[in-house]
Amino acid sequence: MATTRQKAAARRNIKKARNVQSRRANSARIPKRSPGLRTSQKNRMSTGTFAFPQERKEPLNDARHVRNAVARFDQVEGVTDKERDAAWRRIRAAARKYGVEIQAKGWRSLMKGGRTGRSR
């Protein structure tokens, strides 16, 4: 369930997106916020740039990807607690590098209420 604050933020984001889409349709040159990663770019990345290098999951190449890795940490399946510890260290190091503030004290606090059946 979304909170009132989340719903308001979603409405603002939709309004902004519609405005930009309309301006682009009327020939305005508005650059995209972030180009994202193409599959070919992701395949060329070294394994050290991923939070989970063996699975090549959760790239940590910019601030946006670091925030995404934290948000989706509990969705990664098939990894041990030891691998999660190492991934959390890599995520925190990348967060310091890119200036991302992480509220969670540790990865276990992110797992509360998570959907994954992580191995112990």
N, C-alpha and C. Protein backbone atom coordinates (compact mmCIF):
# COMPACT_ATOMS: atom_id res chain seq x y z
N MET A 1 0.83 -1.18 0.00
CA MET A 1 0.00 0.00 0.00
C MET A 1 0.88 1.25 0.00
N ALA A 2 0.50 2.17 -0.81
CA ALA A 2 1.24 3.41 -0.90
C ALA A 2 0.71 4.42 0.12
N THR A 3 1.61 5.20 0.66
CA THR A 3 1.21 6.23 1.62
C THR A 3 0.74 7.46 0.85
N THR A 4 0.15 8.38 1.56
CA THR A 4 -0.31 9.62 0.95
C THR A 4 0.86 10.39 0.34
N ARG A 5 1.98 10.38 1.03
CA ARG A 5 3.17 11.07 0.54
C ARG A 5 3.68 10.44 -0.76
N GLN A 6 3.68 9.11 -0.82
CA GLN A 6 4.12 8.41 -2.02
C GLN A 6 3.19 8.69 -3.20
N LYS A 7 1.89 8.72 -2.91
CA LYS A 7 0.92 9.01 -3.97
C LYS A 7 1.09 10.42 -4.52
N ALA A 8 1.34 11.37 -3.61
CA ALA A 8 1.56 12.76 -4.05
C ALA A 8 2.82 12.86 -4.90
N ALA A 9 3.87 12.17 -4.50
CA ALA A 9 5.11 12.17 -5.28
C ALA A 9 4.89 11.54 -6.65
N ALA A 10 4.14 10.47 -6.69
CA ALA A 10 3.85 9.82 -7.98
C ALA A 10 3.06 10.75 -8.89
N ARG A 11 2.10 11.49 -8.33
CA ARG A 11 1.33 12.44 -9.14
C ARG A 11 2.22 13.54 -9.71
N ARG A 12 3.14 14.06 -8.87
CA ARG A 12 4.07 15.08 -9.35
C ARG A 12 4.96 14.54 -10.47
N ASN A 13 5.46 13.31 -10.30
CA ASN A 13 6.32 12.72 -11.31
C ASN A 13 5.58 12.49 -12.63
N ILE A 14 4.34 12.06 -12.54
CA ILE A 14 3.54 11.86 -13.75
C ILE A 14 3.30 13.19 -14.45
N LYS A 15 3.00 14.23 -13.67
CA LYS A 15 2.77 15.55 -14.25
C LYS A 15 4.02 16.06 -14.97
N LYS A 16 5.20 15.89 -14.34
CA LYS A 16 6.45 16.30 -14.97
C LYS A 16 6.71 15.51 -16.25
N ALA A 17 6.48 14.21 -16.19
CA ALA A 17 6.73 13.37 -17.36
C ALA A 17 5.82 13.75 -18.52
N ARG A 18 4.57 14.03 -18.23
CA ARG A 18 3.63 14.44 -19.29
C ARG A 18 4.04 15.77 -19.90
N ASN A 19 4.49 16.69 -19.06
CA ASN A 19 4.93 17.99 -19.53
C ASN A 19 6.13 17.85 -20.47
N VAL A 20 7.11 17.05 -20.07
CA VAL A 20 8.30 16.84 -20.89
C VAL A 20 7.94 16.14 -22.19
N GLN A 21 7.09 15.13 -22.09
CA GLN A 21 6.66 14.40 -23.28
C GLN A 21 5.96 15.32 -24.27
N SER A 22 5.12 16.20 -23.76
CA SER A 22 4.42 17.15 -24.62
C SER A 22 5.40 18.12 -25.28
N ARG A 23 6.37 18.61 -24.50
CA ARG A 23 7.35 19.53 -25.07
C ARG A 23 8.22 18.85 -26.11
N ARG A 24 8.58 17.58 -25.88
CA ARG A 24 9.36 16.84 -26.87
C ARG A 24 8.54 16.63 -28.15
N ALA A 25 7.25 16.37 -27.99
CA ALA A 25 6.39 16.17 -29.15
C ALA A 25 6.27 17.43 -29.98
N ASN A 26 6.45 18.58 -29.33
CA ASN A 26 6.38 19.86 -30.04
C ASN A 26 7.76 20.39 -30.39
N SER A 27 8.69 19.49 -30.67
CA SER A 27 10.02 19.79 -31.18
C SER A 27 10.98 20.43 -30.19
N ALA A 28 10.71 20.38 -28.91
CA ALA A 28 11.67 20.91 -27.94
C ALA A 28 12.77 19.88 -27.73
N ARG A 29 14.00 20.35 -27.66
CA ARG A 29 15.13 19.44 -27.44
C ARG A 29 15.40 19.34 -25.94
N ILE A 30 14.89 18.32 -25.35
CA ILE A 30 15.07 18.10 -23.92
C ILE A 30 15.84 16.80 -23.75
N PRO A 31 17.06 16.89 -23.20
CA PRO A 31 17.86 15.67 -23.05
C PRO A 31 17.26 14.75 -22.00
N LYS A 32 17.47 13.47 -22.19
CA LYS A 32 17.01 12.51 -21.20
C LYS A 32 17.89 12.64 -19.98
N ARG A 33 17.33 12.34 -18.82
CA ARG A 33 18.02 12.52 -17.57
C ARG A 33 19.26 11.62 -17.46
N SER A 34 19.09 10.37 -17.80
CA SER A 34 20.19 9.42 -17.74
C SER A 34 20.02 8.42 -18.86
N PRO A 35 21.07 8.14 -19.60
CA PRO A 35 20.92 7.23 -20.72
C PRO A 35 20.71 5.78 -20.31
N GLY A 36 21.04 5.40 -19.09
CA GLY A 36 20.90 4.02 -18.67
C GLY A 36 22.00 3.16 -19.27
N LEU A 37 21.90 1.87 -19.07
CA LEU A 37 22.90 0.95 -19.59
C LEU A 37 22.29 0.07 -20.66
N ARG A 38 22.98 -0.01 -21.79
CA ARG A 38 22.58 -0.97 -22.81
C ARG A 38 23.18 -2.32 -22.41
N THR A 39 22.63 -3.39 -22.95
CA THR A 39 23.13 -4.72 -22.64
C THR A 39 24.59 -4.86 -23.02
N SER A 40 24.96 -4.29 -24.15
CA SER A 40 26.36 -4.39 -24.57
C SER A 40 27.29 -3.68 -23.57
N GLN A 41 26.83 -2.55 -23.02
CA GLN A 41 27.63 -1.85 -22.03
C GLN A 41 27.76 -2.68 -20.75
N LYS A 42 26.65 -3.27 -20.33
CA LYS A 42 26.65 -4.08 -19.12
C LYS A 42 27.57 -5.29 -19.29
N ASN A 43 27.57 -5.89 -20.49
CA ASN A 43 28.43 -7.05 -20.75
C ASN A 43 29.91 -6.70 -20.73
N ARG A 44 30.25 -5.46 -21.08
CA ARG A 44 31.64 -5.03 -21.09
C ARG A 44 32.15 -4.61 -19.72
N MET A 45 31.26 -4.40 -18.77
CA MET A 45 31.67 -3.96 -17.43
C MET A 45 32.44 -5.06 -16.71
N SER A 46 33.43 -4.65 -15.94
CA SER A 46 34.18 -5.64 -15.16
C SER A 46 33.31 -6.15 -14.01
N THR A 47 33.62 -7.33 -13.54
CA THR A 47 32.81 -7.91 -12.47
C THR A 47 32.91 -7.11 -11.17
N GLY A 48 33.97 -6.34 -11.01
CA GLY A 48 34.15 -5.54 -9.80
C GLY A 48 33.18 -4.38 -9.67
N THR A 49 32.48 -4.06 -10.74
CA THR A 49 31.53 -2.94 -10.68
C THR A 49 30.12 -3.39 -10.32
N PHE A 50 29.95 -4.66 -9.98
CA PHE A 50 28.64 -5.18 -9.59
C PHE A 50 28.62 -5.45 -8.09
N ALA A 51 27.46 -5.28 -7.48
CA ALA A 51 27.31 -5.60 -6.06
C ALA A 51 27.44 -7.11 -5.87
N PHE A 52 26.86 -7.88 -6.77
CA PHE A 52 26.95 -9.33 -6.74
C PHE A 52 27.72 -9.77 -7.99
N PRO A 53 29.05 -9.81 -7.92
CA PRO A 53 29.85 -10.04 -9.13
C PRO A 53 29.68 -11.42 -9.75
N GLN A 54 29.45 -12.45 -8.96
CA GLN A 54 29.29 -13.79 -9.53
C GLN A 54 28.03 -13.87 -10.39
N GLU A 55 26.98 -13.20 -9.98
CA GLU A 55 25.72 -13.21 -10.72
C GLU A 55 25.61 -12.05 -11.70
N ARG A 56 26.58 -11.10 -11.62
CA ARG A 56 26.57 -9.87 -12.41
C ARG A 56 25.24 -9.12 -12.23
N LYS A 57 24.87 -8.97 -10.96
CA LYS A 57 23.63 -8.27 -10.62
C LYS A 57 23.95 -6.99 -9.89
N GLU A 58 23.11 -6.00 -10.07
CA GLU A 58 23.20 -4.71 -9.42
C GLU A 58 24.49 -3.95 -9.75
N PRO A 59 24.58 -3.37 -10.94
CA PRO A 59 25.77 -2.57 -11.29
C PRO A 59 25.87 -1.34 -10.39
N LEU A 60 27.09 -0.92 -10.11
CA LEU A 60 27.35 0.21 -9.21
C LEU A 60 28.20 1.26 -9.92
N ASN A 61 27.79 1.67 -11.11
CA ASN A 61 28.63 2.56 -11.90
C ASN A 61 28.25 4.03 -11.79
N ASP A 62 27.15 4.38 -11.12
CA ASP A 62 26.81 5.78 -10.86
C ASP A 62 25.84 5.84 -9.68
N ALA A 63 25.51 7.06 -9.27
CA ALA A 63 24.66 7.24 -8.08
C ALA A 63 23.28 6.62 -8.26
N ARG A 64 22.72 6.74 -9.46
CA ARG A 64 21.39 6.19 -9.72
C ARG A 64 21.39 4.68 -9.54
N HIS A 65 22.42 4.01 -10.04
CA HIS A 65 22.49 2.56 -9.91
C HIS A 65 22.75 2.14 -8.46
N VAL A 66 23.47 2.94 -7.71
CA VAL A 66 23.71 2.63 -6.30
C VAL A 66 22.39 2.69 -5.53
N ARG A 67 21.61 3.74 -5.77
CA ARG A 67 20.31 3.85 -5.10
C ARG A 67 19.40 2.68 -5.49
N ASN A 68 19.45 2.29 -6.75
CA ASN A 68 18.65 1.18 -7.22
C ASN A 68 19.10 -0.13 -6.58
N ALA A 69 20.40 -0.31 -6.39
CA ALA A 69 20.92 -1.53 -5.76
C ALA A 69 20.44 -1.65 -4.32
N VAL A 70 20.40 -0.54 -3.62
CA VAL A 70 19.90 -0.56 -2.24
C VAL A 70 18.42 -0.88 -2.23
N ALA A 71 17.67 -0.27 -3.12
CA ALA A 71 16.22 -0.48 -3.16
C ALA A 71 15.86 -1.91 -3.51
N ARG A 72 16.66 -2.55 -4.34
CA ARG A 72 16.35 -3.91 -4.80
C ARG A 72 17.16 -4.99 -4.12
N PHE A 73 17.85 -4.64 -3.06
CA PHE A 73 18.75 -5.59 -2.39
C PHE A 73 18.02 -6.84 -1.94
N ASP A 74 16.81 -6.69 -1.42
CA ASP A 74 16.08 -7.86 -0.92
C ASP A 74 15.47 -8.71 -2.03
N GLN A 75 15.55 -8.25 -3.28
CA GLN A 75 14.98 -9.00 -4.38
C GLN A 75 15.96 -9.97 -5.03
N VAL A 76 17.23 -9.88 -4.66
CA VAL A 76 18.24 -10.77 -5.24
C VAL A 76 18.10 -12.13 -4.57
N GLU A 77 17.94 -13.15 -5.40
CA GLU A 77 17.73 -14.50 -4.88
C GLU A 77 18.93 -15.38 -5.18
N GLY A 78 19.07 -16.44 -4.42
CA GLY A 78 20.09 -17.44 -4.68
C GLY A 78 21.49 -17.04 -4.25
N VAL A 79 21.60 -16.18 -3.25
CA VAL A 79 22.92 -15.80 -2.74
C VAL A 79 22.96 -16.07 -1.24
N THR A 80 24.15 -16.33 -0.74
CA THR A 80 24.32 -16.63 0.68
C THR A 80 24.48 -15.33 1.48
N ASP A 81 24.43 -15.47 2.80
CA ASP A 81 24.62 -14.31 3.67
C ASP A 81 26.03 -13.75 3.51
N LYS A 82 27.00 -14.61 3.28
CA LYS A 82 28.38 -14.16 3.09
C LYS A 82 28.47 -13.29 1.83
N GLU A 83 27.81 -13.72 0.76
CA GLU A 83 27.81 -12.93 -0.48
C GLU A 83 27.07 -11.61 -0.27
N ARG A 84 26.00 -11.63 0.53
CA ARG A 84 25.27 -10.39 0.82
C ARG A 84 26.13 -9.42 1.62
N ASP A 85 26.92 -9.94 2.58
CA ASP A 85 27.83 -9.08 3.34
C ASP A 85 28.82 -8.38 2.41
N ALA A 86 29.41 -9.15 1.51
CA ALA A 86 30.38 -8.58 0.57
C ALA A 86 29.70 -7.57 -0.36
N ALA A 87 28.50 -7.89 -0.82
CA ALA A 87 27.77 -6.97 -1.71
C ALA A 87 27.44 -5.67 -0.97
N TRP A 88 27.05 -5.79 0.29
CA TRP A 88 26.72 -4.58 1.07
C TRP A 88 27.95 -3.69 1.23
N ARG A 89 29.12 -4.31 1.45
CA ARG A 89 30.35 -3.52 1.55
C ARG A 89 30.63 -2.78 0.23
N ARG A 90 30.42 -3.47 -0.89
CA ARG A 90 30.64 -2.83 -2.19
C ARG A 90 29.64 -1.70 -2.43
N ILE A 91 28.39 -1.91 -2.02
CA ILE A 91 27.37 -0.87 -2.19
C ILE A 91 27.71 0.35 -1.34
N ARG A 92 28.12 0.15 -0.09
CA ARG A 92 28.47 1.27 0.78
C ARG A 92 29.68 2.04 0.25
N ALA A 93 30.65 1.32 -0.29
CA ALA A 93 31.82 1.99 -0.86
C ALA A 93 31.42 2.82 -2.08
N ALA A 94 30.56 2.26 -2.92
CA ALA A 94 30.10 3.00 -4.10
C ALA A 94 29.24 4.20 -3.68
N ALA A 95 28.47 4.04 -2.61
CA ALA A 95 27.65 5.15 -2.12
C ALA A 95 28.53 6.30 -1.65
N ARG A 96 29.61 5.98 -0.95
CA ARG A 96 30.55 7.03 -0.53
C ARG A 96 31.18 7.70 -1.75
N LYS A 97 31.54 6.90 -2.73
CA LYS A 97 32.19 7.43 -3.94
C LYS A 97 31.28 8.40 -4.69
N TYR A 98 30.00 8.07 -4.80
CA TYR A 98 29.06 8.88 -5.58
C TYR A 98 28.22 9.83 -4.73
N GLY A 99 28.46 9.86 -3.42
CA GLY A 99 27.76 10.80 -2.55
C GLY A 99 26.31 10.44 -2.27
N VAL A 100 26.02 9.15 -2.21
CA VAL A 100 24.67 8.68 -1.92
C VAL A 100 24.56 8.38 -0.44
N GLU A 101 23.54 8.92 0.19
CA GLU A 101 23.34 8.68 1.62
C GLU A 101 22.47 7.44 1.80
N ILE A 102 22.93 6.51 2.61
CA ILE A 102 22.17 5.29 2.88
C ILE A 102 21.68 5.35 4.32
N GLN A 103 20.37 5.24 4.50
CA GLN A 103 19.77 5.32 5.83
C GLN A 103 19.93 4.03 6.61
N ALA A 104 19.88 2.89 5.91
CA ALA A 104 19.92 1.58 6.57
C ALA A 104 21.27 1.35 7.23
N LYS A 105 21.26 0.77 8.41
CA LYS A 105 22.49 0.47 9.15
C LYS A 105 23.19 -0.76 8.56
N GLY A 106 22.43 -1.69 8.06
CA GLY A 106 22.99 -2.91 7.49
C GLY A 106 21.99 -3.54 6.55
N TRP A 107 22.44 -4.54 5.80
CA TRP A 107 21.55 -5.14 4.82
C TRP A 107 20.44 -5.95 5.46
N ARG A 108 20.63 -6.41 6.68
CA ARG A 108 19.58 -7.19 7.35
C ARG A 108 18.35 -6.33 7.64
N SER A 109 18.55 -5.05 7.86
CA SER A 109 17.40 -4.17 8.08
C SER A 109 16.60 -3.98 6.80
N LEU A 110 17.22 -4.18 5.65
CA LEU A 110 16.51 -4.09 4.38
C LEU A 110 15.68 -5.33 4.12
N MET A 111 16.04 -6.44 4.73
CA MET A 111 15.37 -7.71 4.47
C MET A 111 14.07 -7.87 5.24
N LYS A 112 13.81 -7.03 6.20
CA LYS A 112 12.58 -7.15 6.97
C LYS A 112 11.38 -6.97 6.05
N GLY A 113 10.55 -7.98 5.96
CA GLY A 113 9.39 -7.91 5.10
C GLY A 113 9.70 -8.19 3.65
N GLY A 114 10.92 -8.62 3.36
CA GLY A 114 11.30 -8.92 1.98
C GLY A 114 10.61 -10.16 1.46
N ARG A 115 10.59 -10.31 0.15
CA ARG A 115 9.89 -11.43 -0.47
C ARG A 115 10.79 -12.63 -0.72
N THR A 116 12.06 -12.44 -0.66
CA THR A 116 12.95 -13.51 -1.09
C THR A 116 13.11 -14.58 -0.04
N GLY A 117 13.37 -15.75 -0.49
CA GLY A 117 13.68 -16.85 0.41
C GLY A 117 15.18 -17.04 0.40
N ARG A 118 15.91 -16.11 1.00
CA ARG A 118 17.37 -16.16 0.93
C ARG A 118 17.88 -17.34 1.75
N SER A 119 19.00 -17.86 1.32
CA SER A 119 19.58 -19.01 2.00
C SER A 119 20.33 -18.58 3.25
N ARG A 120 20.39 -19.43 4.22
CA ARG A 120 21.07 -19.12 5.48
C ARG A 120 22.38 -19.82 5.57
